């Protein structure tokens, strides 16, 4: 007998996985989408998806937002902020001032 919890689901690509929440994200597809380089590769999947959903794919785009605006995105938490600050600083950029 299996010790997994949650509901068995199948994604559009045919991967089967168990989820105990309403989140529709397939772990196998999400791992395949993870970038290998760049600042997005340093983030957790929820934080990365939050930025992608907002259309933020570059540090230049990220610098157009304040820290408060980024923290308000669903999936973005305070743990990601030091990573984002460091990535911006490495490129000579910073978050927008209020």
N, C-alpha and C. Protein backbone atom coordinates (compact mmCIF):
# COMPACT_ATOMS: atom_id res chain seq x y z
N UNK A 1 0.83 -1.18 0.00
CA UNK A 1 0.00 0.00 0.00
C UNK A 1 0.88 1.24 0.00
N UNK A 2 0.50 2.24 -0.75
CA UNK A 2 1.28 3.47 -0.90
C UNK A 2 1.09 4.38 0.30
N UNK A 3 2.17 5.10 0.65
CA UNK A 3 2.10 6.03 1.77
C UNK A 3 1.93 7.47 1.30
N UNK A 4 1.60 7.67 0.02
CA UNK A 4 1.44 9.03 -0.50
C UNK A 4 0.11 9.61 -0.04
N UNK A 5 0.08 10.93 0.07
CA UNK A 5 -1.16 11.59 0.43
C UNK A 5 -1.54 12.56 -0.66
N UNK A 6 -2.77 12.92 -0.71
CA UNK A 6 -3.23 13.83 -1.74
C UNK A 6 -3.98 13.11 -2.83
N UNK A 7 -4.33 13.88 -3.83
CA UNK A 7 -5.10 13.37 -4.94
C UNK A 7 -4.18 13.08 -6.12
N UNK A 8 -4.36 11.93 -6.74
CA UNK A 8 -3.59 11.60 -7.93
C UNK A 8 -4.08 12.46 -9.08
N UNK A 9 -3.15 13.12 -9.73
CA UNK A 9 -3.48 13.98 -10.87
C UNK A 9 -2.59 13.62 -12.05
N UNK A 10 -3.04 14.03 -13.22
CA UNK A 10 -2.26 13.84 -14.44
C UNK A 10 -2.21 15.18 -15.16
N UNK A 11 -1.00 15.65 -15.48
CA UNK A 11 -0.87 16.93 -16.18
C UNK A 11 -1.14 16.74 -17.67
N UNK A 12 -1.14 17.86 -18.40
CA UNK A 12 -1.39 17.82 -19.84
C UNK A 12 -0.33 17.02 -20.60
N UNK A 13 0.87 16.88 -19.99
CA UNK A 13 1.94 16.12 -20.64
C UNK A 13 1.94 14.65 -20.24
N UNK A 14 0.97 14.24 -19.43
CA UNK A 14 0.84 12.83 -19.07
C UNK A 14 1.56 12.41 -17.80
N UNK A 15 2.21 13.34 -17.10
CA UNK A 15 2.89 13.00 -15.84
C UNK A 15 1.85 12.82 -14.74
N UNK A 16 2.03 11.79 -13.94
CA UNK A 16 1.13 11.58 -12.81
C UNK A 16 1.84 11.99 -11.53
N UNK A 17 1.11 12.66 -10.65
CA UNK A 17 1.66 13.16 -9.39
C UNK A 17 0.54 13.31 -8.38
N UNK A 18 0.92 13.34 -7.11
CA UNK A 18 -0.04 13.54 -6.03
C UNK A 18 0.08 14.96 -5.50
N UNK A 19 -1.08 15.60 -5.25
CA UNK A 19 -1.11 16.94 -4.66
C UNK A 19 -2.17 16.96 -3.56
N UNK A 20 -1.82 17.57 -2.44
CA UNK A 20 -2.78 17.70 -1.35
C UNK A 20 -3.42 19.09 -1.35
N UNK A 21 -2.95 19.98 -2.20
CA UNK A 21 -3.53 21.32 -2.30
C UNK A 21 -4.21 21.48 -3.65
N UNK A 22 -4.76 22.66 -3.88
CA UNK A 22 -5.42 22.96 -5.16
C UNK A 22 -4.44 23.38 -6.24
N UNK A 23 -3.17 23.48 -5.90
CA UNK A 23 -2.15 23.92 -6.85
C UNK A 23 -2.10 22.96 -8.05
N UNK A 24 -2.26 23.47 -9.27
CA UNK A 24 -2.27 22.60 -10.45
C UNK A 24 -0.90 22.32 -11.04
N UNK A 25 0.17 22.81 -10.43
CA UNK A 25 1.50 22.70 -11.00
C UNK A 25 2.05 21.27 -10.90
N UNK A 26 2.46 20.74 -12.03
CA UNK A 26 3.07 19.41 -12.10
C UNK A 26 4.53 19.53 -11.70
N UNK A 27 4.99 18.78 -10.70
CA UNK A 27 6.38 18.87 -10.27
C UNK A 27 7.38 18.48 -11.37
N UNK A 28 7.05 17.52 -12.19
CA UNK A 28 7.95 17.09 -13.26
C UNK A 28 8.10 18.18 -14.32
N UNK A 29 6.99 18.77 -14.73
CA UNK A 29 7.04 19.86 -15.71
C UNK A 29 7.74 21.08 -15.14
N UNK A 30 7.49 21.38 -13.86
CA UNK A 30 8.11 22.54 -13.23
C UNK A 30 9.62 22.38 -13.16
N UNK A 31 10.10 21.18 -12.86
CA UNK A 31 11.54 20.94 -12.81
C UNK A 31 12.17 21.10 -14.19
N UNK A 32 11.46 20.70 -15.22
CA UNK A 32 11.97 20.83 -16.58
C UNK A 32 12.02 22.30 -17.03
N UNK A 33 11.15 23.13 -16.48
CA UNK A 33 11.09 24.56 -16.84
C UNK A 33 12.12 25.40 -16.10
N UNK A 34 12.69 24.88 -15.03
CA UNK A 34 13.60 25.67 -14.21
C UNK A 34 14.83 26.10 -15.01
N UNK A 35 15.13 27.41 -15.00
CA UNK A 35 16.32 27.87 -15.73
C UNK A 35 17.60 27.35 -15.09
N UNK A 36 18.62 27.18 -15.90
CA UNK A 36 19.92 26.70 -15.40
C UNK A 36 20.83 27.84 -14.97
N UNK A 37 20.53 29.05 -15.42
CA UNK A 37 21.39 30.19 -15.13
C UNK A 37 20.54 31.44 -14.97
N UNK A 38 21.17 32.48 -14.45
CA UNK A 38 20.48 33.75 -14.27
C UNK A 38 19.83 33.85 -12.91
N UNK A 39 19.31 35.03 -12.62
CA UNK A 39 18.75 35.27 -11.29
C UNK A 39 17.51 34.44 -11.02
N UNK A 40 16.73 34.11 -12.04
CA UNK A 40 15.53 33.29 -11.84
C UNK A 40 15.89 31.87 -11.38
N UNK A 41 17.06 31.39 -11.77
CA UNK A 41 17.49 30.05 -11.36
C UNK A 41 17.79 29.97 -9.87
N UNK A 42 18.05 31.11 -9.24
CA UNK A 42 18.37 31.15 -7.81
C UNK A 42 17.13 31.14 -6.91
N UNK A 43 15.96 31.30 -7.51
CA UNK A 43 14.73 31.43 -6.73
C UNK A 43 13.97 30.11 -6.61
N UNK A 44 13.11 30.05 -5.60
CA UNK A 44 12.21 28.90 -5.46
C UNK A 44 11.20 28.96 -6.61
N UNK A 45 10.58 27.83 -6.88
CA UNK A 45 9.60 27.77 -7.97
C UNK A 45 8.45 28.76 -7.78
N UNK A 46 7.85 28.88 -6.59
CA UNK A 46 6.75 29.85 -6.43
C UNK A 46 7.20 31.29 -6.68
N UNK A 47 8.38 31.65 -6.19
CA UNK A 47 8.89 33.01 -6.39
C UNK A 47 9.18 33.26 -7.87
N UNK A 48 9.77 32.28 -8.53
CA UNK A 48 10.07 32.42 -9.95
C UNK A 48 8.78 32.57 -10.76
N UNK A 49 7.77 31.76 -10.46
CA UNK A 49 6.49 31.86 -11.17
C UNK A 49 5.83 33.21 -10.93
N UNK A 50 5.97 33.75 -9.71
CA UNK A 50 5.37 35.06 -9.39
C UNK A 50 5.96 36.13 -10.30
N UNK A 51 7.27 36.11 -10.47
CA UNK A 51 7.92 37.10 -11.34
C UNK A 51 7.53 36.86 -12.80
N UNK A 52 7.56 35.62 -13.23
CA UNK A 52 7.21 35.30 -14.63
C UNK A 52 5.78 35.72 -14.93
N UNK A 53 4.87 35.48 -13.99
CA UNK A 53 3.47 35.85 -14.18
C UNK A 53 3.32 37.36 -14.34
N UNK A 54 4.19 38.11 -13.67
CA UNK A 54 4.18 39.57 -13.76
C UNK A 54 4.91 40.07 -15.01
N UNK A 55 5.54 39.16 -15.76
CA UNK A 55 6.27 39.53 -16.96
C UNK A 55 7.69 39.98 -16.69
N UNK A 56 8.22 39.62 -15.53
CA UNK A 56 9.58 40.01 -15.15
C UNK A 56 10.54 38.87 -15.49
N UNK A 57 11.37 39.09 -16.49
CA UNK A 57 12.31 38.06 -16.92
C UNK A 57 13.75 38.53 -16.86
N UNK A 58 13.95 39.85 -16.67
CA UNK A 58 15.30 40.40 -16.64
C UNK A 58 15.49 41.25 -15.38
N UNK A 59 16.73 41.48 -15.03
CA UNK A 59 17.02 42.33 -13.88
C UNK A 59 16.61 43.77 -14.17
N UNK A 60 16.72 44.20 -15.40
CA UNK A 60 16.28 45.54 -15.78
C UNK A 60 14.79 45.70 -15.51
N UNK A 61 14.00 44.70 -15.87
CA UNK A 61 12.56 44.74 -15.61
C UNK A 61 12.30 44.73 -14.10
N UNK A 62 13.04 43.91 -13.36
CA UNK A 62 12.87 43.83 -11.92
C UNK A 62 13.16 45.16 -11.25
N UNK A 63 14.15 45.89 -11.74
CA UNK A 63 14.54 47.17 -11.14
C UNK A 63 13.46 48.25 -11.28
N UNK A 64 12.46 48.01 -12.11
CA UNK A 64 11.37 48.97 -12.28
C UNK A 64 10.32 48.86 -11.17
N UNK A 65 10.49 47.89 -10.27
CA UNK A 65 9.55 47.65 -9.18
C UNK A 65 10.19 47.96 -7.84
N UNK A 66 9.37 48.33 -6.88
CA UNK A 66 9.85 48.52 -5.51
C UNK A 66 9.83 47.16 -4.80
N UNK A 67 10.55 47.06 -3.69
CA UNK A 67 10.54 45.82 -2.92
C UNK A 67 9.12 45.51 -2.45
N UNK A 68 8.39 46.52 -2.05
CA UNK A 68 7.02 46.33 -1.57
C UNK A 68 6.14 45.74 -2.67
N UNK A 69 6.31 46.23 -3.90
CA UNK A 69 5.53 45.71 -5.03
C UNK A 69 5.86 44.25 -5.30
N UNK A 70 7.13 43.90 -5.24
CA UNK A 70 7.54 42.51 -5.48
C UNK A 70 7.02 41.61 -4.37
N UNK A 71 7.12 42.05 -3.13
CA UNK A 71 6.62 41.24 -2.01
C UNK A 71 5.11 41.04 -2.04
N UNK A 72 4.40 41.91 -2.73
CA UNK A 72 2.94 41.77 -2.81
C UNK A 72 2.50 40.71 -3.82
N UNK A 73 3.42 40.21 -4.63
CA UNK A 73 3.08 39.20 -5.63
C UNK A 73 2.82 37.86 -4.96
N UNK A 74 1.78 37.18 -5.40
CA UNK A 74 1.46 35.86 -4.86
C UNK A 74 2.59 34.88 -5.17
N UNK A 75 3.13 34.26 -4.14
CA UNK A 75 4.23 33.31 -4.32
C UNK A 75 5.58 33.89 -3.94
N UNK A 76 5.64 35.19 -3.77
CA UNK A 76 6.90 35.84 -3.42
C UNK A 76 6.94 36.06 -1.91
N UNK A 77 8.03 35.63 -1.28
CA UNK A 77 8.17 35.80 0.15
C UNK A 77 9.44 36.54 0.51
N UNK A 78 9.56 36.92 1.77
CA UNK A 78 10.73 37.70 2.21
C UNK A 78 12.05 36.95 2.06
N UNK A 79 12.00 35.64 2.03
CA UNK A 79 13.23 34.85 1.89
C UNK A 79 13.90 35.07 0.53
N UNK A 80 13.13 35.44 -0.47
CA UNK A 80 13.68 35.67 -1.81
C UNK A 80 14.32 37.04 -1.97
N UNK A 81 14.00 37.96 -1.11
CA UNK A 81 14.46 39.34 -1.29
C UNK A 81 15.98 39.49 -1.24
N UNK A 82 16.71 38.87 -0.31
CA UNK A 82 18.17 39.01 -0.34
C UNK A 82 18.79 38.51 -1.65
N UNK A 83 18.23 37.45 -2.20
CA UNK A 83 18.71 36.91 -3.47
C UNK A 83 18.48 37.92 -4.58
N UNK A 84 17.31 38.53 -4.60
CA UNK A 84 17.00 39.52 -5.63
C UNK A 84 17.85 40.78 -5.48
N UNK A 85 18.01 41.24 -4.24
CA UNK A 85 18.85 42.43 -3.99
C UNK A 85 20.28 42.19 -4.48
N UNK A 86 20.81 41.02 -4.17
CA UNK A 86 22.19 40.68 -4.56
C UNK A 86 22.32 40.61 -6.09
N UNK A 87 21.35 40.00 -6.74
CA UNK A 87 21.40 39.90 -8.20
C UNK A 87 21.34 41.29 -8.84
N UNK A 88 20.49 42.16 -8.31
CA UNK A 88 20.42 43.52 -8.83
C UNK A 88 21.74 44.25 -8.60
N UNK A 89 22.30 44.14 -7.40
CA UNK A 89 23.55 44.83 -7.07
C UNK A 89 24.70 44.36 -7.96
N UNK A 90 24.75 43.07 -8.27
CA UNK A 90 25.81 42.53 -9.14
C UNK A 90 25.77 43.17 -10.52
N UNK A 91 24.59 43.64 -10.92
CA UNK A 91 24.43 44.28 -12.23
C UNK A 91 24.38 45.79 -12.14
N UNK A 92 24.68 46.33 -10.95
CA UNK A 92 24.66 47.77 -10.77
C UNK A 92 23.26 48.37 -10.72
N UNK A 93 22.29 47.55 -10.39
CA UNK A 93 20.90 47.99 -10.33
C UNK A 93 20.38 47.90 -8.91
N UNK A 94 19.19 48.42 -8.69
CA UNK A 94 18.53 48.33 -7.39
C UNK A 94 17.03 48.41 -7.60
N UNK A 95 16.28 48.04 -6.57
CA UNK A 95 14.83 48.19 -6.64
C UNK A 95 14.47 49.67 -6.73
N UNK A 96 13.34 49.95 -7.32
CA UNK A 96 12.82 51.31 -7.44
C UNK A 96 12.53 51.84 -6.04
N UNK A 97 12.84 53.11 -5.81
CA UNK A 97 12.49 53.75 -4.54
C UNK A 97 11.01 54.05 -4.54
N UNK A 98 10.44 54.12 -3.36
CA UNK A 98 9.01 54.41 -3.24
C UNK A 98 8.74 55.72 -3.79
